[in-house]
Amino acid sequence: MIYPLVYSFVISLTQYSGMQSPTFIGFQNYIAAFLDPLVRTAVGNTVYYMLLAVPIGLVVALLLALAMNRNVREVALYRTLLYLPSLIPMFALSFIFIVFVNPQYGIVNQFLGLFGMPATNLLGAPRYAKIVMIVMAQLGAGNAALIYLAGLRNIPDTLYEAARIDGASRFRQFFAITVPLLTPTILFNLITGVSGAMMVFTEAFIMTDGGPDNSTLFYMLYLWRNAFSYGQLGFASALAVLLFLFGMLLAGLIYWLSRRFVNYDVSAG
């Protein structure tokens, strides 16, 4: 892992097409990245996706985990059904959603038509295309839900029994016991969710190719274009290094902020 990281940084200091010998140009690629308006567009799209997809995904995954943790006879079947969508590869899910949101025969527009809403090309409208991908991302919440489920199973039942004796409602138990003791799990899912959101690529590549009007031009897609479509491996490597540094900075910031809300005292029960 160390060699590719170092080599990417070295290549980022060169003009390199992958076919000819690299030419050292210093930090020109980094300067070009900060001046490139498409980089700013890609960063904006990625941050927008991250700010919506990650929090929604954390909530959806927690709801799924609570459903999986129910003490009913068919719970094993429910867990399987709730987790199955997470097993669908993203490229296959992208093709499925293209059919779902088709403006003529897609099931989404047929459903919206029941409420008198006109058929809309959701992937062809800049204001809706990212929303479709954010909704699609929630079908992968089963992975985070399993991690939540492990955290839920690790909370001592004696805490809930004591809370019930004290007259605490289920709502009170959830926010006074469940959420505080799940904060380490929430932190883990937050870190992995942010990491995945920064690298969103497949759905935009297959469904819209960055369109319409660059509304789904995510950072990784633009990086890929520069590397393999435009033959600018030096510039693409500079983008990769900047993404790595931003990811490390963001992870450090999240860990620093987590000191205020993460409770590791699970043994309190």
C-alpha atoms as a PDB file:
ATOM      1  CA  MET A   1       0.000   0.000   0.000  1.00  0.00           C
ATOM      2  CA  ILE A   2       2.878   2.361   0.747  1.00  0.00           C
ATOM      3  CA  TYR A   3       4.468   2.081  -2.688  1.00  0.00           C
ATOM      4  CA  PRO A   4       1.350   3.146  -4.674  1.00  0.00           C
ATOM      5  CA  LEU A   5       0.842   6.082  -2.292  1.00  0.00           C
ATOM      6  CA  VAL A   6       4.408   7.301  -2.724  1.00  0.00           C
ATOM      7  CA  TYR A   7       4.413   6.610  -6.472  1.00  0.00           C
ATOM      8  CA  SER A   8       1.127   8.508  -6.928  1.00  0.00           C
ATOM      9  CA  PHE A   9       2.636  11.532  -5.233  1.00  0.00           C
ATOM     10  CA  VAL A  10       5.740  11.301  -7.433  1.00  0.00           C
ATOM     11  CA  ILE A  11       3.617  11.026 -10.607  1.00  0.00           C
ATOM     12  CA  SER A  12       1.497  13.973  -9.443  1.00  0.00           C
ATOM     13  CA  LEU A  13       4.583  16.160  -9.809  1.00  0.00           C
ATOM     14  CA  THR A  14       4.954  15.254 -13.488  1.00  0.00           C
ATOM     15  CA  GLN A  15       3.218  15.585 -16.816  1.00  0.00           C
ATOM     16  CA  TYR A  16       2.536  11.973 -17.666  1.00  0.00           C
ATOM     17  CA  SER A  17       0.229  10.367 -20.223  1.00  0.00           C
ATOM     18  CA  GLY A  18       1.068   6.775 -19.376  1.00  0.00           C
ATOM     19  CA  MET A  19       2.625   6.229 -22.792  1.00  0.00           C
ATOM     20  CA  GLN A  20       5.715   8.449 -22.632  1.00  0.00           C
ATOM     21  CA  SER A  21       8.288   9.164 -19.966  1.00  0.00           C
ATOM     22  CA  PRO A  22       7.005  11.512 -17.249  1.00  0.00           C
ATOM     23  CA  THR A  23       8.237  15.115 -17.300  1.00  0.00           C
ATOM     24  CA  PHE A  24       8.790  16.824 -13.966  1.00  0.00           C
ATOM     25  CA  ILE A  25       6.691  19.993 -13.625  1.00  0.00           C
ATOM     26  CA  GLY A  26       6.652  20.504  -9.856  1.00  0.00           C
ATOM     27  CA  PHE A  27       3.344  21.509  -8.289  1.00  0.00           C
ATOM     28  CA  GLN A  28       1.744  22.672 -11.536  1.00  0.00           C
ATOM     29  CA  ASN A  29      -0.861  19.890 -11.403  1.00  0.00           C
ATOM     30  CA  TYR A  30      -1.958  20.999  -7.930  1.00  0.00           C
ATOM     31  CA  ILE A  31      -2.202  24.614  -9.042  1.00  0.00           C
ATOM     32  CA  ALA A  32      -4.226  23.512 -12.080  1.00  0.00           C
ATOM     33  CA  ALA A  33      -6.527  21.479  -9.817  1.00  0.00           C
ATOM     34  CA  PHE A  34      -7.343  24.513  -7.662  1.00  0.00           C
ATOM     35  CA  LEU A  35      -7.967  26.617 -10.772  1.00  0.00           C
ATOM     36  CA  ASP A  36     -10.052  24.039 -12.648  1.00  0.00           C
ATOM     37  CA  PRO A  37     -13.790  24.923 -12.431  1.00  0.00           C
ATOM     38  CA  LEU A  38     -14.740  21.283 -13.046  1.00  0.00           C
ATOM     39  CA  VAL A  39     -12.799  20.272  -9.948  1.00  0.00           C
ATOM     40  CA  ARG A  40     -14.868  22.726  -7.925  1.00  0.00           C
ATOM     41  CA  THR A  41     -18.035  21.332  -9.515  1.00  0.00           C
ATOM     42  CA  ALA A  42     -16.975  17.763  -8.723  1.00  0.00           C
ATOM     43  CA  VAL A  43     -16.124  18.690  -5.128  1.00  0.00           C
ATOM     44  CA  GLY A  44     -19.477  20.432  -4.706  1.00  0.00           C
ATOM     45  CA  ASN A  45     -21.406  17.461  -6.091  1.00  0.00           C
ATOM     46  CA  THR A  46     -19.487  15.029  -3.885  1.00  0.00           C
ATOM     47  CA  VAL A  47     -19.951  17.102  -0.733  1.00  0.00           C
ATOM     48  CA  TYR A  48     -23.680  17.486  -1.504  1.00  0.00           C
ATOM     49  CA  TYR A  49     -23.974  13.720  -1.923  1.00  0.00           C
ATOM     50  CA  MET A  50     -22.026  13.104   1.279  1.00  0.00           C
ATOM     51  CA  LEU A  51     -24.037  15.541   3.406  1.00  0.00           C
ATOM     52  CA  LEU A  52     -27.304  13.877   2.406  1.00  0.00           C
ATOM     53  CA  ALA A  53     -26.480  10.215   1.744  1.00  0.00           C
ATOM     54  CA  VAL A  54     -24.409   9.596   4.879  1.00  0.00           C
ATOM     55  CA  PRO A  55     -26.815  10.951   7.561  1.00  0.00           C
ATOM     56  CA  ILE A  56     -29.819   9.386   5.827  1.00  0.00           C
ATOM     57  CA  GLY A  57     -27.914   6.108   5.527  1.00  0.00           C
ATOM     58  CA  LEU A  58     -27.054   6.128   9.241  1.00  0.00           C
ATOM     59  CA  VAL A  59     -30.718   6.584  10.178  1.00  0.00           C
ATOM     60  CA  VAL A  60     -31.983   3.986   7.684  1.00  0.00           C
ATOM     61  CA  ALA A  61     -29.393   1.456   8.840  1.00  0.00           C
ATOM     62  CA  LEU A  62     -30.324   2.039  12.490  1.00  0.00           C
ATOM     63  CA  LEU A  63     -34.021   1.529  11.719  1.00  0.00           C
ATOM     64  CA  LEU A  64     -33.177  -1.698   9.907  1.00  0.00           C
ATOM     65  CA  ALA A  65     -31.064  -2.851  12.855  1.00  0.00           C
ATOM     66  CA  LEU A  66     -33.900  -2.143  15.291  1.00  0.00           C
ATOM     67  CA  ALA A  67     -36.202  -4.210  13.081  1.00  0.00           C
ATOM     68  CA  MET A  68     -33.621  -7.015  12.914  1.00  0.00           C
ATOM     69  CA  ASN A  69     -33.341  -6.970  16.709  1.00  0.00           C
ATOM     70  CA  ARG A  70     -37.016  -7.659  17.292  1.00  0.00           C
ATOM     71  CA  ASN A  71     -37.746 -10.745  19.396  1.00  0.00           C
ATOM     72  CA  VAL A  72     -40.121 -12.516  16.998  1.00  0.00           C
ATOM     73  CA  ARG A  73     -40.102 -16.039  15.617  1.00  0.00           C
ATOM     74  CA  GLU A  74     -39.461 -14.992  11.992  1.00  0.00           C
ATOM     75  CA  VAL A  75     -36.592 -12.629  12.846  1.00  0.00           C
ATOM     76  CA  ALA A  76     -34.027 -14.710  10.905  1.00  0.00           C
ATOM     77  CA  LEU A  77     -36.154 -14.409   7.758  1.00  0.00           C
ATOM     78  CA  TYR A  78     -36.598 -10.667   8.286  1.00  0.00           C
ATOM     79  CA  ARG A  79     -32.867 -10.166   8.742  1.00  0.00           C
ATOM     80  CA  THR A  80     -32.187 -12.011   5.505  1.00  0.00           C
ATOM     81  CA  LEU A  81     -34.755 -10.018   3.532  1.00  0.00           C
ATOM     82  CA  LEU A  82     -33.534  -6.688   4.919  1.00  0.00           C
ATOM     83  CA  TYR A  83     -29.908  -7.532   4.147  1.00  0.00           C
ATOM     84  CA  LEU A  84     -30.442  -8.964   0.639  1.00  0.00           C
ATOM     85  CA  PRO A  85     -30.447  -5.594  -1.212  1.00  0.00           C
ATOM     86  CA  SER A  86     -26.924  -4.976   0.103  1.00  0.00           C
ATOM     87  CA  LEU A  87     -25.695  -8.002  -1.836  1.00  0.00           C
ATOM     88  CA  ILE A  88     -26.661  -6.537  -5.208  1.00  0.00           C
ATOM     89  CA  PRO A  89     -23.523  -5.179  -6.953  1.00  0.00           C
ATOM     90  CA  MET A  90     -23.659  -1.434  -7.525  1.00  0.00           C
ATOM     91  CA  PHE A  91     -23.281  -1.763 -11.294  1.00  0.00           C
ATOM     92  CA  ALA A  92     -26.299  -4.114 -11.429  1.00  0.00           C
ATOM     93  CA  LEU A  93     -28.291  -1.861  -9.118  1.00  0.00           C
ATOM     94  CA  SER A  94     -27.511   1.087 -11.380  1.00  0.00           C
ATOM     95  CA  PHE A  95     -29.019  -0.653 -14.398  1.00  0.00           C
ATOM     96  CA  ILE A  96     -32.060  -1.653 -12.333  1.00  0.00           C
ATOM     97  CA  PHE A  97     -32.647   1.951 -11.259  1.00  0.00           C
ATOM     98  CA  ILE A  98     -32.370   3.166 -14.844  1.00  0.00           C
ATOM     99  CA  VAL A  99     -35.444   1.033 -15.534  1.00  0.00           C
ATOM    100  CA  PHE A 100     -37.176   2.073 -12.308  1.00  0.00           C
ATOM    101  CA  VAL A 101     -36.957   5.812 -13.063  1.00  0.00           C
ATOM    102  CA  ASN A 102     -37.659   5.563 -16.793  1.00  0.00           C
ATOM    103  CA  PRO A 103     -40.046   8.463 -17.596  1.00  0.00           C
ATOM    104  CA  GLN A 104     -42.300   6.285 -19.821  1.00  0.00           C
ATOM    105  CA  TYR A 105     -42.666   2.911 -18.101  1.00  0.00           C
ATOM    106  CA  GLY A 106     -40.657   3.172 -14.878  1.00  0.00           C
ATOM    107  CA  ILE A 107     -42.383   2.118 -11.675  1.00  0.00           C
ATOM    108  CA  VAL A 108     -41.362   5.348  -9.903  1.00  0.00           C
ATOM    109  CA  ASN A 109     -43.162   7.599 -12.401  1.00  0.00           C
ATOM    110  CA  GLN A 110     -46.161   5.272 -12.429  1.00  0.00           C
ATOM    111  CA  PHE A 111     -46.365   5.604  -8.641  1.00  0.00           C
ATOM    112  CA  LEU A 112     -46.025   9.395  -8.782  1.00  0.00           C
ATOM    113  CA  GLY A 113     -48.715   9.445 -11.465  1.00  0.00           C
ATOM    114  CA  LEU A 114     -51.190   8.079  -8.918  1.00  0.00           C
ATOM    115  CA  PHE A 115     -50.914  11.440  -7.158  1.00  0.00           C
ATOM    116  CA  GLY A 116     -51.364  13.429 -10.363  1.00  0.00           C
ATOM    117  CA  MET A 117     -47.684  14.227 -10.834  1.00  0.00           C
ATOM    118  CA  PRO A 118     -46.466  14.357 -14.447  1.00  0.00           C
ATOM    119  CA  ALA A 119     -43.867  11.915 -15.746  1.00  0.00           C
ATOM    120  CA  THR A 120     -40.380  13.303 -15.192  1.00  0.00           C
ATOM    121  CA  ASN A 121     -37.032  12.217 -16.549  1.00  0.00           C
ATOM    122  CA  LEU A 122     -35.436  12.068 -13.119  1.00  0.00           C
ATOM    123  CA  LEU A 123     -31.981  11.206 -14.414  1.00  0.00           C
ATOM    124  CA  GLY A 124     -32.250  13.925 -17.053  1.00  0.00           C
ATOM    125  CA  ALA A 125     -33.003  16.729 -14.597  1.00  0.00           C
ATOM    126  CA  PRO A 126     -30.035  18.262 -12.729  1.00  0.00           C
ATOM    127  CA  ARG A 127     -32.114  18.851  -9.599  1.00  0.00           C
ATOM    128  CA  TYR A 128     -33.222  15.209  -9.330  1.00  0.00           C
ATOM    129  CA  ALA A 129     -30.319  13.113 -10.653  1.00  0.00           C
ATOM    130  CA  LYS A 130     -28.253  13.229  -7.445  1.00  0.00           C
ATOM    131  CA  ILE A 131     -31.382  12.592  -5.369  1.00  0.00           C
ATOM    132  CA  VAL A 132     -31.982   9.349  -7.289  1.00  0.00           C
ATOM    133  CA  MET A 133     -28.452   8.201  -6.473  1.00  0.00           C
ATOM    134  CA  ILE A 134     -28.829   9.181  -2.822  1.00  0.00           C
ATOM    135  CA  VAL A 135     -32.027   7.127  -2.588  1.00  0.00           C
ATOM    136  CA  MET A 136     -30.347   4.218  -4.364  1.00  0.00           C
ATOM    137  CA  ALA A 137     -27.471   4.303  -1.871  1.00  0.00           C
ATOM    138  CA  GLN A 138     -29.884   3.451   0.937  1.00  0.00           C
ATOM    139  CA  LEU A 139     -30.367  -0.034  -0.486  1.00  0.00           C
ATOM    140  CA  GLY A 140     -26.856  -0.762   0.731  1.00  0.00           C
ATOM    141  CA  ALA A 141     -27.714   0.127   4.321  1.00  0.00           C
ATOM    142  CA  GLY A 142     -27.870  -3.554   5.259  1.00  0.00           C
ATOM    143  CA  ASN A 143     -24.117  -3.693   5.828  1.00  0.00           C
ATOM    144  CA  ALA A 144     -24.206  -0.866   8.368  1.00  0.00           C
ATOM    145  CA  ALA A 145     -27.371  -2.371   9.860  1.00  0.00           C
ATOM    146  CA  LEU A 146     -25.539  -5.603  10.709  1.00  0.00           C
ATOM    147  CA  ILE A 147     -22.873  -3.590  12.523  1.00  0.00           C
ATOM    148  CA  TYR A 148     -25.588  -1.702  14.376  1.00  0.00           C
ATOM    149  CA  LEU A 149     -27.212  -5.032  15.230  1.00  0.00           C
ATOM    150  CA  ALA A 150     -23.976  -6.259  16.819  1.00  0.00           C
ATOM    151  CA  GLY A 151     -23.865  -3.069  18.868  1.00  0.00           C
ATOM    152  CA  LEU A 152     -27.491  -3.476  19.941  1.00  0.00           C
ATOM    153  CA  ARG A 153     -26.883  -7.064  21.033  1.00  0.00           C
ATOM    154  CA  ASN A 154     -23.961  -5.873  23.152  1.00  0.00           C
ATOM    155  CA  ILE A 155     -26.099  -3.529  25.268  1.00  0.00           C
ATOM    156  CA  PRO A 156     -26.920  -5.229  28.613  1.00  0.00           C
ATOM    157  CA  ASP A 157     -30.613  -6.044  29.075  1.00  0.00           C
ATOM    158  CA  THR A 158     -30.315  -5.086  32.745  1.00  0.00           C
ATOM    159  CA  LEU A 159     -30.129  -1.416  31.724  1.00  0.00           C
ATOM    160  CA  TYR A 160     -33.496  -1.640  29.991  1.00  0.00           C
ATOM    161  CA  GLU A 161     -34.994  -3.579  32.914  1.00  0.00           C
ATOM    162  CA  ALA A 162     -33.851  -0.908  35.362  1.00  0.00           C
ATOM    163  CA  ALA A 163     -35.231   1.825  33.104  1.00  0.00           C
ATOM    164  CA  ARG A 164     -38.613   0.090  32.884  1.00  0.00           C
ATOM    165  CA  ILE A 165     -38.732  -0.242  36.675  1.00  0.00           C
ATOM    166  CA  ASP A 166     -38.073   3.503  36.916  1.00  0.00           C
ATOM    167  CA  GLY A 167     -41.003   4.105  34.550  1.00  0.00           C
ATOM    168  CA  ALA A 168     -39.004   5.190  31.485  1.00  0.00           C
ATOM    169  CA  SER A 169     -40.890   4.977  28.199  1.00  0.00           C
ATOM    170  CA  ARG A 170     -39.447   3.220  25.173  1.00  0.00           C
ATOM    171  CA  PHE A 171     -38.748   6.625  23.642  1.00  0.00           C
ATOM    172  CA  ARG A 172     -36.807   7.634  26.747  1.00  0.00           C
ATOM    173  CA  GLN A 173     -34.960   4.293  26.810  1.00  0.00           C
ATOM    174  CA  PHE A 174     -33.923   4.730  23.192  1.00  0.00           C
ATOM    175  CA  PHE A 175     -32.342   8.158  23.672  1.00  0.00           C
ATOM    176  CA  ALA A 176     -30.993   7.564  27.196  1.00  0.00           C
ATOM    177  CA  ILE A 177     -29.607   4.034  26.755  1.00  0.00           C
ATOM    178  CA  THR A 178     -29.575   2.809  23.150  1.00  0.00           C
ATOM    179  CA  VAL A 179     -28.179   5.850  21.381  1.00  0.00           C
ATOM    180  CA  PRO A 180     -25.419   6.680  23.930  1.00  0.00           C
ATOM    181  CA  LEU A 181     -24.163   3.084  24.016  1.00  0.00           C
ATOM    182  CA  LEU A 182     -24.318   2.859  20.206  1.00  0.00           C
ATOM    183  CA  THR A 183     -22.148   5.930  19.678  1.00  0.00           C
ATOM    184  CA  PRO A 184     -18.956   3.883  19.012  1.00  0.00           C
ATOM    185  CA  THR A 185     -20.862   1.955  16.340  1.00  0.00           C
ATOM    186  CA  ILE A 186     -22.311   5.181  14.956  1.00  0.00           C
ATOM    187  CA  LEU A 187     -18.781   6.584  14.738  1.00  0.00           C
ATOM    188  CA  PHE A 188     -17.559   3.540  12.824  1.00  0.00           C
ATOM    189  CA  ASN A 189     -20.470   3.657  10.376  1.00  0.00           C
ATOM    190  CA  LEU A 190     -19.983   7.411   9.995  1.00  0.00           C
ATOM    191  CA  ILE A 191     -16.317   7.001   9.068  1.00  0.00           C
ATOM    192  CA  THR A 192     -17.003   4.204   6.576  1.00  0.00           C
ATOM    193  CA  GLY A 193     -20.004   6.085   5.163  1.00  0.00           C
ATOM    194  CA  VAL A 194     -18.007   9.263   4.598  1.00  0.00           C
ATOM    195  CA  SER A 195     -15.203   7.247   2.996  1.00  0.00           C
ATOM    196  CA  GLY A 196     -17.649   5.541   0.637  1.00  0.00           C
ATOM    197  CA  ALA A 197     -19.385   8.817  -0.227  1.00  0.00           C
ATOM    198  CA  MET A 198     -16.097  10.455  -1.172  1.00  0.00           C
ATOM    199  CA  MET A 199     -15.435   7.631  -3.632  1.00  0.00           C
ATOM    200  CA  VAL A 200     -18.896   7.466  -5.245  1.00  0.00           C
ATOM    201  CA  PHE A 201     -18.334   6.536  -8.873  1.00  0.00           C
ATOM    202  CA  THR A 202     -20.135   3.513 -10.326  1.00  0.00           C
ATOM    203  CA  GLU A 203     -23.696   4.822 -10.317  1.00  0.00           C
ATOM    204  CA  ALA A 204     -22.742   8.142 -11.897  1.00  0.00           C
ATOM    205  CA  PHE A 205     -20.557   6.418 -14.490  1.00  0.00           C
ATOM    206  CA  ILE A 206     -23.305   3.993 -15.553  1.00  0.00           C
ATOM    207  CA  MET A 207     -26.490   6.009 -15.079  1.00  0.00           C
ATOM    208  CA  THR A 208     -25.596   9.540 -16.172  1.00  0.00           C
ATOM    209  CA  ASP A 209     -21.891   9.685 -17.089  1.00  0.00           C
ATOM    210  CA  GLY A 210     -21.677  12.836 -14.996  1.00  0.00           C
ATOM    211  CA  GLY A 211     -24.677  14.564 -16.533  1.00  0.00           C
ATOM    212  CA  PRO A 212     -27.000  16.264 -16.919  1.00  0.00           C
ATOM    213  CA  ASP A 213     -25.093  19.541 -16.961  1.00  0.00           C
ATOM    214  CA  ASN A 214     -22.335  18.005 -14.767  1.00  0.00           C
ATOM    215  CA  SER A 215     -24.812  17.648 -11.890  1.00  0.00           C
ATOM    216  CA  THR A 216     -23.522  14.125 -11.134  1.00  0.00           C
ATOM    217  CA  LEU A 217     -19.890  14.753 -12.001  1.00  0.00           C
ATOM    218  CA  PHE A 218     -18.461  13.390  -8.777  1.00  0.00           C
ATOM    219  CA  TYR A 219     -14.832  13.741  -7.792  1.00  0.00           C
ATOM    220  CA  MET A 220     -13.863  10.129  -8.538  1.00  0.00           C
ATOM    221  CA  LEU A 221     -15.568  10.246 -11.917  1.00  0.00           C
ATOM    222  CA  TYR A 222     -13.643  13.365 -12.898  1.00  0.00           C
ATOM    223  CA  LEU A 223     -10.428  11.782 -11.624  1.00  0.00           C
ATOM    224  CA  TRP A 224     -11.136   8.683 -13.740  1.00  0.00           C
ATOM    225  CA  ARG A 225     -11.824  10.803 -16.824  1.00  0.00           C
ATOM    226  CA  ASN A 226      -8.511  12.616 -16.515  1.00  0.00           C
ATOM    227  CA  ALA A 227      -6.592   9.389 -16.013  1.00  0.00           C
ATOM    228  CA  PHE A 228      -8.173   7.123 -18.621  1.00  0.00           C
ATOM    229  CA  SER A 229     -10.073   9.362 -21.047  1.00  0.00           C
ATOM    230  CA  TYR A 230      -7.826  12.416 -21.264  1.00  0.00           C
ATOM    231  CA  GLY A 231      -4.488  10.659 -20.650  1.00  0.00           C
ATOM    232  CA  GLN A 232      -3.500  13.083 -17.879  1.00  0.00           C
ATOM    233  CA  LEU A 233      -2.211  10.641 -15.283  1.00  0.00           C
ATOM    234  CA  GLY A 234      -0.111  13.296 -13.557  1.00  0.00           C
ATOM    235  CA  PHE A 235      -3.121  15.562 -13.038  1.00  0.00           C
ATOM    236  CA  ALA A 236      -5.275  12.595 -11.995  1.00  0.00           C
ATOM    237  CA  SER A 237      -2.622  11.550  -9.468  1.00  0.00           C
ATOM    238  CA  ALA A 238      -2.654  15.062  -8.029  1.00  0.00           C
ATOM    239  CA  LEU A 239      -6.432  14.782  -7.637  1.00  0.00           C
ATOM    240  CA  ALA A 240      -5.954  11.417  -5.914  1.00  0.00           C
ATOM    241  CA  VAL A 241      -3.387  12.863  -3.500  1.00  0.00           C
ATOM    242  CA  LEU A 242      -5.715  15.768  -2.667  1.00  0.00           C
ATOM    243  CA  LEU A 243      -8.561  13.322  -2.060  1.00  0.00           C
ATOM    244  CA  PHE A 244      -6.340  11.266   0.240  1.00  0.00           C
ATOM    245  CA  LEU A 245      -5.286  14.330   2.220  1.00  0.00           C
ATOM    246  CA  PHE A 246      -8.868  15.589   2.479  1.00  0.00           C
ATOM    247  CA  GLY A 247     -10.034  12.167   3.638  1.00  0.00           C
ATOM    248  CA  MET A 248      -7.360  11.996   6.327  1.00  0.00           C
ATOM    249  CA  LEU A 249      -8.173  15.533   7.464  1.00  0.00           C
ATOM    250  CA  LEU A 250     -11.904  14.791   7.589  1.00  0.00           C
ATOM    251  CA  ALA A 251     -11.375  11.516   9.465  1.00  0.00           C
ATOM    252  CA  GLY A 252      -9.154  13.313  11.987  1.00  0.00           C
ATOM    253  CA  LEU A 253     -11.796  16.019  12.432  1.00  0.00           C
ATOM    254  CA  ILE A 254     -14.519  13.425  12.995  1.00  0.00           C
ATOM    255  CA  TYR A 255     -12.384  11.575  15.548  1.00  0.00           C
ATOM    256  CA  TRP A 256     -11.641  14.851  17.332  1.00  0.00           C
ATOM    257  CA  LEU A 257     -15.308  15.791  17.475  1.00  0.00           C
ATOM    258  CA  SER A 258     -16.215  12.249  18.550  1.00  0.00           C
ATOM    259  CA  ARG A 259     -14.618  12.858  21.955  1.00  0.00           C
ATOM    260  CA  ARG A 260     -17.681  14.898  22.825  1.00  0.00           C
ATOM    261  CA  PHE A 261     -20.356  12.362  21.956  1.00  0.00           C
ATOM    262  CA  VAL A 262     -18.855   8.855  21.837  1.00  0.00           C
ATOM    263  CA  ASN A 263     -19.385   6.776  24.966  1.00  0.00           C
ATOM    264  CA  TYR A 264     -17.169   3.686  25.284  1.00  0.00           C
ATOM    265  CA  ASP A 265     -18.465   2.724  28.732  1.00  0.00           C
ATOM    266  CA  VAL A 266     -20.541  -0.261  27.596  1.00  0.00           C
ATOM    267  CA  SER A 267     -19.661  -2.087  30.794  1.00  0.00           C
ATOM    268  CA  ALA A 268     -21.812   0.331  32.797  1.00  0.00           C
ATOM    269  CA  GLY A 269     -24.519  -2.338  32.998  1.00  0.00           C
END
